[in-house]
ModelCIF file with pLDDT and N, C-alpha, C, O atoms, coordinates in Angstrom:
data_MODEL
#
_entry.id   MODEL 
#
_entity.id                         1 
_entity.type                       polymer 
_entity.pdbx_number_of_molecules   1 
#
_entity_poly.entity_id                      1 
_entity_poly.type                           'polypeptide(L)' 
_entity_poly.nstd_linkage                   no 
_entity_poly.nstd_monomer                   no 
_entity_poly.pdbx_seq_one_letter_code       AGSYFAEQDNSWHQVSVRDTPFTANHIIEFYFNFPFYILMGGSAWIYA 
_entity_poly.pdbx_seq_one_letter_code_can   AGSYFAEQDNSWHQVSVRDTPFTANHIIEFYFNFPFYILMGGSAWIYA 
_entity_poly.pdbx_strand_id                 A 
#
loop_
_entity_poly_seq.entity_id 
_entity_poly_seq.num 
_entity_poly_seq.mon_id 
_entity_poly_seq.hetero 
1 1  ALA n 
1 2  GLY n 
1 3  SER n 
1 4  TYR n 
1 5  PHE n 
1 6  ALA n 
1 7  GLU n 
1 8  GLN n 
1 9  ASP n 
1 10 ASN n 
1 11 SER n 
1 12 TRP n 
1 13 HIS n 
1 14 GLN n 
1 15 VAL n 
1 16 SER n 
1 17 VAL n 
1 18 ARG n 
1 19 ASP n 
1 20 THR n 
1 21 PRO n 
1 22 PHE n 
1 23 THR n 
1 24 ALA n 
1 25 ASN n 
1 26 HIS n 
1 27 ILE n 
1 28 ILE n 
1 29 GLU n 
1 30 PHE n 
1 31 TYR n 
1 32 PHE n 
1 33 ASN n 
1 34 PHE n 
1 35 PRO n 
1 36 PHE n 
1 37 TYR n 
1 38 ILE n 
1 39 LEU n 
1 40 MET n 
1 41 GLY n 
1 42 GLY n 
1 43 SER n 
1 44 ALA n 
1 45 TRP n 
1 46 ILE n 
1 47 TYR n 
1 48 ALA n 
#
_struct_asym.id          A 
_struct_asym.entity_id   1 
#
loop_
_ma_qa_metric.id 
_ma_qa_metric.mode 
_ma_qa_metric.name 
_ma_qa_metric.software_group_id 
_ma_qa_metric.type 
1 global pLDDT . pLDDT 
2 local  pLDDT . pLDDT 
#
_ma_qa_metric_global.metric_id      1 
_ma_qa_metric_global.metric_value   86.98 
_ma_qa_metric_global.model_id       1 
_ma_qa_metric_global.ordinal_id     1 
#
loop_
_ma_qa_metric_local.label_asym_id 
_ma_qa_metric_local.label_comp_id 
_ma_qa_metric_local.label_seq_id 
_ma_qa_metric_local.metric_id 
_ma_qa_metric_local.metric_value 
_ma_qa_metric_local.model_id 
_ma_qa_metric_local.ordinal_id 
A ALA 1  2 88.00 1 1  
A GLY 2  2 83.00 1 2  
A SER 3  2 84.00 1 3  
A TYR 4  2 84.00 1 4  
A PHE 5  2 89.00 1 5  
A ALA 6  2 83.00 1 6  
A GLU 7  2 81.00 1 7  
A GLN 8  2 86.00 1 8  
A ASP 9  2 81.00 1 9  
A ASN 10 2 76.00 1 10 
A SER 11 2 80.00 1 11 
A TRP 12 2 83.00 1 12 
A HIS 13 2 76.00 1 13 
A GLN 14 2 76.00 1 14 
A VAL 15 2 79.00 1 15 
A SER 16 2 78.00 1 16 
A VAL 17 2 71.00 1 17 
A ARG 18 2 68.00 1 18 
A ASP 19 2 67.00 1 19 
A THR 20 2 73.00 1 20 
A PRO 21 2 75.00 1 21 
A PHE 22 2 85.00 1 22 
A THR 23 2 87.00 1 23 
A ALA 24 2 91.00 1 24 
A ASN 25 2 91.00 1 25 
A HIS 26 2 91.00 1 26 
A ILE 27 2 93.00 1 27 
A ILE 28 2 94.00 1 28 
A GLU 29 2 91.00 1 29 
A PHE 30 2 90.00 1 30 
A TYR 31 2 92.00 1 31 
A PHE 32 2 96.00 1 32 
A ASN 33 2 94.00 1 33 
A PHE 34 2 92.00 1 34 
A PRO 35 2 93.00 1 35 
A PHE 36 2 95.00 1 36 
A TYR 37 2 93.00 1 37 
A ILE 38 2 93.00 1 38 
A LEU 39 2 95.00 1 39 
A MET 40 2 95.00 1 40 
A GLY 41 2 94.00 1 41 
A GLY 42 2 94.00 1 42 
A SER 43 2 96.00 1 43 
A ALA 44 2 95.00 1 44 
A TRP 45 2 95.00 1 45 
A ILE 46 2 96.00 1 46 
A TYR 47 2 97.00 1 47 
A ALA 48 2 96.00 1 48 
#
loop_
_atom_site.group_PDB 
_atom_site.id 
_atom_site.type_symbol 
_atom_site.label_atom_id 
_atom_site.label_alt_id 
_atom_site.label_comp_id 
_atom_site.label_asym_id 
_atom_site.label_entity_id 
_atom_site.label_seq_id 
_atom_site.pdbx_PDB_ins_code 
_atom_site.Cartn_x 
_atom_site.Cartn_y 
_atom_site.Cartn_z 
_atom_site.occupancy 
_atom_site.B_iso_or_equiv 
_atom_site.pdbx_formal_charge 
_atom_site.auth_seq_id 
_atom_site.auth_comp_id 
_atom_site.auth_asym_id 
_atom_site.auth_atom_id 
_atom_site.pdbx_PDB_model_num 
ATOM 1   N N  . ALA A 1 1  ? 98.145  104.251 105.345 1.00 88.00 ? 1  ALA A N  1 
ATOM 2   C CA . ALA A 1 1  ? 97.996  104.319 106.800 1.00 88.00 ? 1  ALA A CA 1 
ATOM 3   C C  . ALA A 1 1  ? 96.548  104.133 107.219 1.00 88.00 ? 1  ALA A C  1 
ATOM 4   O O  . ALA A 1 1  ? 96.269  103.524 108.252 1.00 88.00 ? 1  ALA A O  1 
ATOM 5   N N  . GLY A 1 2  ? 95.613  104.663 106.408 1.00 83.00 ? 2  GLY A N  1 
ATOM 6   C CA . GLY A 1 2  ? 94.211  104.628 106.789 1.00 83.00 ? 2  GLY A CA 1 
ATOM 7   C C  . GLY A 1 2  ? 93.411  103.486 106.220 1.00 83.00 ? 2  GLY A C  1 
ATOM 8   O O  . GLY A 1 2  ? 92.211  103.387 106.478 1.00 83.00 ? 2  GLY A O  1 
ATOM 9   N N  . SER A 1 3  ? 94.047  102.612 105.447 1.00 84.00 ? 3  SER A N  1 
ATOM 10  C CA . SER A 1 3  ? 93.282  101.529 104.835 1.00 84.00 ? 3  SER A CA 1 
ATOM 11  C C  . SER A 1 3  ? 93.728  100.178 105.373 1.00 84.00 ? 3  SER A C  1 
ATOM 12  O O  . SER A 1 3  ? 93.164  99.696  106.355 1.00 84.00 ? 3  SER A O  1 
ATOM 13  N N  . TYR A 1 4  ? 94.718  99.561  104.760 1.00 84.00 ? 4  TYR A N  1 
ATOM 14  C CA . TYR A 1 4  ? 95.098  98.192  105.101 1.00 84.00 ? 4  TYR A CA 1 
ATOM 15  C C  . TYR A 1 4  ? 95.467  98.033  106.579 1.00 84.00 ? 4  TYR A C  1 
ATOM 16  O O  . TYR A 1 4  ? 95.016  97.096  107.237 1.00 84.00 ? 4  TYR A O  1 
ATOM 17  N N  . PHE A 1 5  ? 96.266  98.929  107.083 1.00 89.00 ? 5  PHE A N  1 
ATOM 18  C CA . PHE A 1 5  ? 96.760  98.753  108.448 1.00 89.00 ? 5  PHE A CA 1 
ATOM 19  C C  . PHE A 1 5  ? 95.786  99.297  109.491 1.00 89.00 ? 5  PHE A C  1 
ATOM 20  O O  . PHE A 1 5  ? 95.629  98.695  110.553 1.00 89.00 ? 5  PHE A O  1 
ATOM 21  N N  . ALA A 1 6  ? 95.134  100.417 109.213 1.00 83.00 ? 6  ALA A N  1 
ATOM 22  C CA . ALA A 1 6  ? 94.199  100.979 110.187 1.00 83.00 ? 6  ALA A CA 1 
ATOM 23  C C  . ALA A 1 6  ? 92.948  100.115 110.321 1.00 83.00 ? 6  ALA A C  1 
ATOM 24  O O  . ALA A 1 6  ? 92.469  99.889  111.432 1.00 83.00 ? 6  ALA A O  1 
ATOM 25  N N  . GLU A 1 7  ? 92.422  99.636  109.211 1.00 81.00 ? 7  GLU A N  1 
ATOM 26  C CA . GLU A 1 7  ? 91.175  98.883  109.263 1.00 81.00 ? 7  GLU A CA 1 
ATOM 27  C C  . GLU A 1 7  ? 91.357  97.516  109.921 1.00 81.00 ? 7  GLU A C  1 
ATOM 28  O O  . GLU A 1 7  ? 90.415  96.984  110.509 1.00 81.00 ? 7  GLU A O  1 
ATOM 29  N N  . GLN A 1 8  ? 92.540  96.952  109.829 1.00 86.00 ? 8  GLN A N  1 
ATOM 30  C CA . GLN A 1 8  ? 92.748  95.645  110.446 1.00 86.00 ? 8  GLN A CA 1 
ATOM 31  C C  . GLN A 1 8  ? 93.027  95.758  111.938 1.00 86.00 ? 8  GLN A C  1 
ATOM 32  O O  . GLN A 1 8  ? 93.083  94.746  112.635 1.00 86.00 ? 8  GLN A O  1 
ATOM 33  N N  . ASP A 1 9  ? 93.204  96.988  112.436 1.00 81.00 ? 9  ASP A N  1 
ATOM 34  C CA . ASP A 1 9  ? 93.551  97.167  113.843 1.00 81.00 ? 9  ASP A CA 1 
ATOM 35  C C  . ASP A 1 9  ? 92.443  96.663  114.766 1.00 81.00 ? 9  ASP A C  1 
ATOM 36  O O  . ASP A 1 9  ? 92.714  96.212  115.879 1.00 81.00 ? 9  ASP A O  1 
ATOM 37  N N  . ASN A 1 10 ? 91.205  96.740  114.302 1.00 76.00 ? 10 ASN A N  1 
ATOM 38  C CA . ASN A 1 10 ? 90.091  96.214  115.089 1.00 76.00 ? 10 ASN A CA 1 
ATOM 39  C C  . ASN A 1 10 ? 90.302  94.736  115.407 1.00 76.00 ? 10 ASN A C  1 
ATOM 40  O O  . ASN A 1 10 ? 90.091  94.300  116.538 1.00 76.00 ? 10 ASN A O  1 
ATOM 41  N N  . SER A 1 11 ? 90.716  93.977  114.407 1.00 80.00 ? 11 SER A N  1 
ATOM 42  C CA . SER A 1 11 ? 90.939  92.544  114.611 1.00 80.00 ? 11 SER A CA 1 
ATOM 43  C C  . SER A 1 11 ? 92.087  92.301  115.589 1.00 80.00 ? 11 SER A C  1 
ATOM 44  O O  . SER A 1 11 ? 92.013  91.416  116.441 1.00 80.00 ? 11 SER A O  1 
ATOM 45  N N  . TRP A 1 12 ? 93.147  93.098  115.454 1.00 83.00 ? 12 TRP A N  1 
ATOM 46  C CA . TRP A 1 12 ? 94.286  92.933  116.365 1.00 83.00 ? 12 TRP A CA 1 
ATOM 47  C C  . TRP A 1 12 ? 93.881  93.212  117.808 1.00 83.00 ? 12 TRP A C  1 
ATOM 48  O O  . TRP A 1 12 ? 94.354  92.540  118.724 1.00 83.00 ? 12 TRP A O  1 
ATOM 49  N N  . HIS A 1 13 ? 93.020  94.184  118.016 1.00 76.00 ? 13 HIS A N  1 
ATOM 50  C CA . HIS A 1 13 ? 92.592  94.507  119.374 1.00 76.00 ? 13 HIS A CA 1 
ATOM 51  C C  . HIS A 1 13 ? 91.780  93.370  119.994 1.00 76.00 ? 13 HIS A C  1 
ATOM 52  O O  . HIS A 1 13 ? 91.734  93.229  121.216 1.00 76.00 ? 13 HIS A O  1 
ATOM 53  N N  . GLN A 1 14 ? 91.150  92.572  119.160 1.00 76.00 ? 14 GLN A N  1 
ATOM 54  C CA . GLN A 1 14 ? 90.326  91.479  119.677 1.00 76.00 ? 14 GLN A CA 1 
ATOM 55  C C  . GLN A 1 14 ? 91.151  90.250  120.062 1.00 76.00 ? 14 GLN A C  1 
ATOM 56  O O  . GLN A 1 14 ? 90.730  89.458  120.905 1.00 76.00 ? 14 GLN A O  1 
ATOM 57  N N  . VAL A 1 15 ? 92.324  90.091  119.448 1.00 79.00 ? 15 VAL A N  1 
ATOM 58  C CA . VAL A 1 15 ? 93.059  88.839  119.645 1.00 79.00 ? 15 VAL A CA 1 
ATOM 59  C C  . VAL A 1 15 ? 94.395  89.011  120.346 1.00 79.00 ? 15 VAL A C  1 
ATOM 60  O O  . VAL A 1 15 ? 94.886  88.057  120.948 1.00 79.00 ? 15 VAL A O  1 
ATOM 61  N N  . SER A 1 16 ? 95.004  90.195  120.292 1.00 78.00 ? 16 SER A N  1 
ATOM 62  C CA . SER A 1 16 ? 96.330  90.360  120.886 1.00 78.00 ? 16 SER A CA 1 
ATOM 63  C C  . SER A 1 16 ? 96.203  90.768  122.352 1.00 78.00 ? 16 SER A C  1 
ATOM 64  O O  . SER A 1 16 ? 95.178  91.304  122.773 1.00 78.00 ? 16 SER A O  1 
ATOM 65  N N  . VAL A 1 17 ? 97.246  90.509  123.110 1.00 71.00 ? 17 VAL A N  1 
ATOM 66  C CA . VAL A 1 17 ? 97.264  90.872  124.526 1.00 71.00 ? 17 VAL A CA 1 
ATOM 67  C C  . VAL A 1 17 ? 97.552  92.368  124.624 1.00 71.00 ? 17 VAL A C  1 
ATOM 68  O O  . VAL A 1 17 ? 98.635  92.818  124.249 1.00 71.00 ? 17 VAL A O  1 
ATOM 69  N N  . ARG A 1 18 ? 96.576  93.147  125.133 1.00 68.00 ? 18 ARG A N  1 
ATOM 70  C CA . ARG A 1 18 ? 96.719  94.604  125.176 1.00 68.00 ? 18 ARG A CA 1 
ATOM 71  C C  . ARG A 1 18 ? 97.404  95.048  126.465 1.00 68.00 ? 18 ARG A C  1 
ATOM 72  O O  . ARG A 1 18 ? 96.874  95.882  127.199 1.00 68.00 ? 18 ARG A O  1 
ATOM 73  N N  . ASP A 1 19 ? 98.579  94.490  126.739 1.00 67.00 ? 19 ASP A N  1 
ATOM 74  C CA . ASP A 1 19 ? 99.347  94.934  127.897 1.00 67.00 ? 19 ASP A CA 1 
ATOM 75  C C  . ASP A 1 19 ? 100.400 95.951  127.498 1.00 67.00 ? 19 ASP A C  1 
ATOM 76  O O  . ASP A 1 19 ? 101.221 96.352  128.323 1.00 67.00 ? 19 ASP A O  1 
ATOM 77  N N  . THR A 1 20 ? 100.384 96.368  126.255 1.00 73.00 ? 20 THR A N  1 
ATOM 78  C CA . THR A 1 20 ? 101.351 97.324  125.735 1.00 73.00 ? 20 THR A CA 1 
ATOM 79  C C  . THR A 1 20 ? 100.763 98.000  124.507 1.00 73.00 ? 20 THR A C  1 
ATOM 80  O O  . THR A 1 20 ? 99.982  97.375  123.788 1.00 73.00 ? 20 THR A O  1 
ATOM 81  N N  . PRO A 1 21 ? 101.111 99.260  124.241 1.00 75.00 ? 21 PRO A N  1 
ATOM 82  C CA . PRO A 1 21 ? 100.678 99.896  122.996 1.00 75.00 ? 21 PRO A CA 1 
ATOM 83  C C  . PRO A 1 21 ? 101.439 99.386  121.782 1.00 75.00 ? 21 PRO A C  1 
ATOM 84  O O  . PRO A 1 21 ? 101.091 99.708  120.646 1.00 75.00 ? 21 PRO A O  1 
ATOM 85  N N  . PHE A 1 22 ? 102.486 98.584  122.020 1.00 85.00 ? 22 PHE A N  1 
ATOM 86  C CA . PHE A 1 22 ? 103.317 98.098  120.924 1.00 85.00 ? 22 PHE A CA 1 
ATOM 87  C C  . PHE A 1 22 ? 102.814 96.740  120.435 1.00 85.00 ? 22 PHE A C  1 
ATOM 88  O O  . PHE A 1 22 ? 103.474 95.718  120.624 1.00 85.00 ? 22 PHE A O  1 
ATOM 89  N N  . THR A 1 23 ? 101.654 96.743  119.813 1.00 87.00 ? 23 THR A N  1 
ATOM 90  C CA . THR A 1 23 ? 101.186 95.510  119.185 1.00 87.00 ? 23 THR A CA 1 
ATOM 91  C C  . THR A 1 23 ? 101.839 95.372  117.812 1.00 87.00 ? 23 THR A C  1 
ATOM 92  O O  . THR A 1 23 ? 102.433 96.317  117.294 1.00 87.00 ? 23 THR A O  1 
ATOM 93  N N  . ALA A 1 24 ? 101.719 94.197  117.244 1.00 91.00 ? 24 ALA A N  1 
ATOM 94  C CA . ALA A 1 24 ? 102.348 93.949  115.941 1.00 91.00 ? 24 ALA A CA 1 
ATOM 95  C C  . ALA A 1 24 ? 101.814 94.890  114.870 1.00 91.00 ? 24 ALA A C  1 
ATOM 96  O O  . ALA A 1 24 ? 102.541 95.247  113.943 1.00 91.00 ? 24 ALA A O  1 
ATOM 97  N N  . ASN A 1 25 ? 100.563 95.290  114.985 1.00 91.00 ? 25 ASN A N  1 
ATOM 98  C CA . ASN A 1 25 ? 100.010 96.217  113.998 1.00 91.00 ? 25 ASN A CA 1 
ATOM 99  C C  . ASN A 1 25 ? 100.336 97.667  114.347 1.00 91.00 ? 25 ASN A C  1 
ATOM 100 O O  . ASN A 1 25 ? 100.604 98.472  113.454 1.00 91.00 ? 25 ASN A O  1 
ATOM 101 N N  . HIS A 1 26 ? 100.316 98.008  115.635 1.00 91.00 ? 26 HIS A N  1 
ATOM 102 C CA . HIS A 1 26 ? 100.625 99.378  116.034 1.00 91.00 ? 26 HIS A CA 1 
ATOM 103 C C  . HIS A 1 26 ? 102.054 99.757  115.670 1.00 91.00 ? 26 HIS A C  1 
ATOM 104 O O  . HIS A 1 26 ? 102.316 100.896 115.284 1.00 91.00 ? 26 HIS A O  1 
ATOM 105 N N  . ILE A 1 27 ? 102.967 98.824  115.788 1.00 93.00 ? 27 ILE A N  1 
ATOM 106 C CA . ILE A 1 27 ? 104.367 99.124  115.487 1.00 93.00 ? 27 ILE A CA 1 
ATOM 107 C C  . ILE A 1 27 ? 104.528 99.584  114.048 1.00 93.00 ? 27 ILE A C  1 
ATOM 108 O O  . ILE A 1 27 ? 105.383 100.418 113.751 1.00 93.00 ? 27 ILE A O  1 
ATOM 109 N N  . ILE A 1 28 ? 103.717 99.050  113.163 1.00 94.00 ? 28 ILE A N  1 
ATOM 110 C CA . ILE A 1 28 ? 103.743 99.484  111.765 1.00 94.00 ? 28 ILE A CA 1 
ATOM 111 C C  . ILE A 1 28 ? 102.863 100.706 111.561 1.00 94.00 ? 28 ILE A C  1 
ATOM 112 O O  . ILE A 1 28 ? 103.279 101.682 110.938 1.00 94.00 ? 28 ILE A O  1 
ATOM 113 N N  . GLU A 1 29 ? 101.656 100.650 112.082 1.00 91.00 ? 29 GLU A N  1 
ATOM 114 C CA . GLU A 1 29 ? 100.665 101.689 111.808 1.00 91.00 ? 29 GLU A CA 1 
ATOM 115 C C  . GLU A 1 29 ? 100.973 103.002 112.529 1.00 91.00 ? 29 GLU A C  1 
ATOM 116 O O  . GLU A 1 29 ? 101.099 104.047 111.890 1.00 91.00 ? 29 GLU A O  1 
ATOM 117 N N  . PHE A 1 30 ? 101.094 102.952 113.858 1.00 90.00 ? 30 PHE A N  1 
ATOM 118 C CA . PHE A 1 30 ? 101.231 104.171 114.638 1.00 90.00 ? 30 PHE A CA 1 
ATOM 119 C C  . PHE A 1 30 ? 102.650 104.718 114.653 1.00 90.00 ? 30 PHE A C  1 
ATOM 120 O O  . PHE A 1 30 ? 102.851 105.929 114.738 1.00 90.00 ? 30 PHE A O  1 
ATOM 121 N N  . TYR A 1 31 ? 103.629 103.833 114.571 1.00 92.00 ? 31 TYR A N  1 
ATOM 122 C CA . TYR A 1 31 ? 105.013 104.272 114.775 1.00 92.00 ? 31 TYR A CA 1 
ATOM 123 C C  . TYR A 1 31 ? 105.828 104.336 113.481 1.00 92.00 ? 31 TYR A C  1 
ATOM 124 O O  . TYR A 1 31 ? 107.012 104.671 113.501 1.00 92.00 ? 31 TYR A O  1 
ATOM 125 N N  . PHE A 1 32 ? 105.183 104.012 112.358 1.00 96.00 ? 32 PHE A N  1 
ATOM 126 C CA . PHE A 1 32 ? 105.835 104.264 111.072 1.00 96.00 ? 32 PHE A CA 1 
ATOM 127 C C  . PHE A 1 32 ? 104.886 104.948 110.099 1.00 96.00 ? 32 PHE A C  1 
ATOM 128 O O  . PHE A 1 32 ? 105.196 106.030 109.599 1.00 96.00 ? 32 PHE A O  1 
ATOM 129 N N  . ASN A 1 33 ? 103.726 104.336 109.817 1.00 94.00 ? 33 ASN A N  1 
ATOM 130 C CA . ASN A 1 33 ? 102.838 104.873 108.795 1.00 94.00 ? 33 ASN A CA 1 
ATOM 131 C C  . ASN A 1 33 ? 102.388 106.297 109.104 1.00 94.00 ? 33 ASN A C  1 
ATOM 132 O O  . ASN A 1 33 ? 102.424 107.163 108.230 1.00 94.00 ? 33 ASN A O  1 
ATOM 133 N N  . PHE A 1 34 ? 101.965 106.542 110.341 1.00 92.00 ? 34 PHE A N  1 
ATOM 134 C CA . PHE A 1 34 ? 101.504 107.880 110.681 1.00 92.00 ? 34 PHE A CA 1 
ATOM 135 C C  . PHE A 1 34 ? 102.637 108.908 110.619 1.00 92.00 ? 34 PHE A C  1 
ATOM 136 O O  . PHE A 1 34 ? 102.471 109.939 109.967 1.00 92.00 ? 34 PHE A O  1 
ATOM 137 N N  . PRO A 1 35 ? 103.778 108.672 111.269 1.00 93.00 ? 35 PRO A N  1 
ATOM 138 C CA . PRO A 1 35 ? 104.875 109.643 111.123 1.00 93.00 ? 35 PRO A CA 1 
ATOM 139 C C  . PRO A 1 35 ? 105.332 109.824 109.679 1.00 93.00 ? 35 PRO A C  1 
ATOM 140 O O  . PRO A 1 35 ? 105.739 110.918 109.289 1.00 93.00 ? 35 PRO A O  1 
ATOM 141 N N  . PHE A 1 36 ? 105.265 108.748 108.877 1.00 95.00 ? 36 PHE A N  1 
ATOM 142 C CA . PHE A 1 36 ? 105.754 108.860 107.506 1.00 95.00 ? 36 PHE A CA 1 
ATOM 143 C C  . PHE A 1 36 ? 104.860 109.758 106.666 1.00 95.00 ? 36 PHE A C  1 
ATOM 144 O O  . PHE A 1 36 ? 105.357 110.554 105.869 1.00 95.00 ? 36 PHE A O  1 
ATOM 145 N N  . TYR A 1 37 ? 103.537 109.640 106.836 1.00 93.00 ? 37 TYR A N  1 
ATOM 146 C CA . TYR A 1 37 ? 102.706 110.531 106.027 1.00 93.00 ? 37 TYR A CA 1 
ATOM 147 C C  . TYR A 1 37 ? 102.797 111.971 106.533 1.00 93.00 ? 37 TYR A C  1 
ATOM 148 O O  . TYR A 1 37 ? 102.615 112.909 105.757 1.00 93.00 ? 37 TYR A O  1 
ATOM 149 N N  . ILE A 1 38 ? 103.079 112.156 107.828 1.00 93.00 ? 38 ILE A N  1 
ATOM 150 C CA . ILE A 1 38 ? 103.341 113.502 108.326 1.00 93.00 ? 38 ILE A CA 1 
ATOM 151 C C  . ILE A 1 38 ? 104.610 114.057 107.680 1.00 93.00 ? 38 ILE A C  1 
ATOM 152 O O  . ILE A 1 38 ? 104.673 115.239 107.344 1.00 93.00 ? 38 ILE A O  1 
ATOM 153 N N  . LEU A 1 39 ? 105.611 113.210 107.510 1.00 95.00 ? 39 LEU A N  1 
ATOM 154 C CA . LEU A 1 39 ? 106.838 113.601 106.821 1.00 95.00 ? 39 LEU A CA 1 
ATOM 155 C C  . LEU A 1 39 ? 106.543 114.060 105.401 1.00 95.00 ? 39 LEU A C  1 
ATOM 156 O O  . LEU A 1 39 ? 107.049 115.093 104.963 1.00 95.00 ? 39 LEU A O  1 
ATOM 157 N N  . MET A 1 40 ? 105.724 113.294 104.676 1.00 95.00 ? 40 MET A N  1 
ATOM 158 C CA . MET A 1 40 ? 105.408 113.634 103.294 1.00 95.00 ? 40 MET A CA 1 
ATOM 159 C C  . MET A 1 40 ? 104.537 114.890 103.213 1.00 95.00 ? 40 MET A C  1 
ATOM 160 O O  . MET A 1 40 ? 104.757 115.744 102.355 1.00 95.00 ? 40 MET A O  1 
ATOM 161 N N  . GLY A 1 41 ? 103.552 115.003 104.103 1.00 94.00 ? 41 GLY A N  1 
ATOM 162 C CA . GLY A 1 41 ? 102.701 116.183 104.088 1.00 94.00 ? 41 GLY A CA 1 
ATOM 163 C C  . GLY A 1 41 ? 103.461 117.437 104.455 1.00 94.00 ? 41 GLY A C  1 
ATOM 164 O O  . GLY A 1 41 ? 103.283 118.481 103.828 1.00 94.00 ? 41 GLY A O  1 
ATOM 165 N N  . GLY A 1 42 ? 104.308 117.342 105.466 1.00 94.00 ? 42 GLY A N  1 
ATOM 166 C CA . GLY A 1 42 ? 105.132 118.481 105.844 1.00 94.00 ? 42 GLY A CA 1 
ATOM 167 C C  . GLY A 1 42 ? 106.090 118.879 104.738 1.00 94.00 ? 42 GLY A C  1 
ATOM 168 O O  . GLY A 1 42 ? 106.369 120.063 104.547 1.00 94.00 ? 42 GLY A O  1 
ATOM 169 N N  . SER A 1 43 ? 106.596 117.893 104.009 1.00 96.00 ? 43 SER A N  1 
ATOM 170 C CA . SER A 1 43 ? 107.505 118.182 102.896 1.00 96.00 ? 43 SER A CA 1 
ATOM 171 C C  . SER A 1 43 ? 106.777 118.941 101.796 1.00 96.00 ? 43 SER A C  1 
ATOM 172 O O  . SER A 1 43 ? 107.324 119.886 101.227 1.00 96.00 ? 43 SER A O  1 
ATOM 173 N N  . ALA A 1 44 ? 105.546 118.536 101.492 1.00 95.00 ? 44 ALA A N  1 
ATOM 174 C CA . ALA A 1 44 ? 104.757 119.245 100.482 1.00 95.00 ? 44 ALA A CA 1 
ATOM 175 C C  . ALA A 1 44 ? 104.509 120.686 100.913 1.00 95.00 ? 44 ALA A C  1 
ATOM 176 O O  . ALA A 1 44 ? 104.586 121.602 100.094 1.00 95.00 ? 44 ALA A O  1 
ATOM 177 N N  . TRP A 1 45 ? 104.210 120.892 102.193 1.00 95.00 ? 45 TRP A N  1 
ATOM 178 C CA . TRP A 1 45 ? 103.952 122.238 102.704 1.00 95.00 ? 45 TRP A CA 1 
ATOM 179 C C  . TRP A 1 45 ? 105.209 123.098 102.618 1.00 95.00 ? 45 TRP A C  1 
ATOM 180 O O  . TRP A 1 45 ? 105.147 124.248 102.185 1.00 95.00 ? 45 TRP A O  1 
ATOM 181 N N  . ILE A 1 46 ? 106.347 122.545 103.029 1.00 96.00 ? 46 ILE A N  1 
ATOM 182 C CA . ILE A 1 46 ? 107.602 123.296 102.971 1.00 96.00 ? 46 ILE A CA 1 
ATOM 183 C C  . ILE A 1 46 ? 107.976 123.604 101.523 1.00 96.00 ? 46 ILE A C  1 
ATOM 184 O O  . ILE A 1 46 ? 108.425 124.709 101.218 1.00 96.00 ? 46 ILE A O  1 
ATOM 185 N N  . TYR A 1 47 ? 107.789 122.624 100.624 1.00 97.00 ? 47 TYR A N  1 
ATOM 186 C CA . TYR A 1 47 ? 108.108 122.848 99.210  1.00 97.00 ? 47 TYR A CA 1 
ATOM 187 C C  . TYR A 1 47 ? 107.295 124.021 98.662  1.00 97.00 ? 47 TYR A C  1 
ATOM 188 O O  . TYR A 1 47 ? 107.836 124.905 97.997  1.00 97.00 ? 47 TYR A O  1 
ATOM 189 N N  . ALA A 1 48 ? 105.998 124.019 98.947  1.00 96.00 ? 48 ALA A N  1 
ATOM 190 C CA . ALA A 1 48 ? 105.144 125.081 98.430  1.00 96.00 ? 48 ALA A CA 1 
ATOM 191 C C  . ALA A 1 48 ? 105.534 126.439 99.008  1.00 96.00 ? 48 ALA A C  1 
ATOM 192 O O  . ALA A 1 48 ? 104.916 127.451 98.679  1.00 96.00 ? 48 ALA A O  1 
#
């Protein structure tokens, strides 16, 4: 979440039309990668 997809977000902001938060990179980064690592982190906490 914090490497390949987050670091390329700068480039997407420069070239994509920012009329929506749903850019091609945000749809993967913000709406899957971030919730998914929260899922994994929360699972580790609950397991412990």
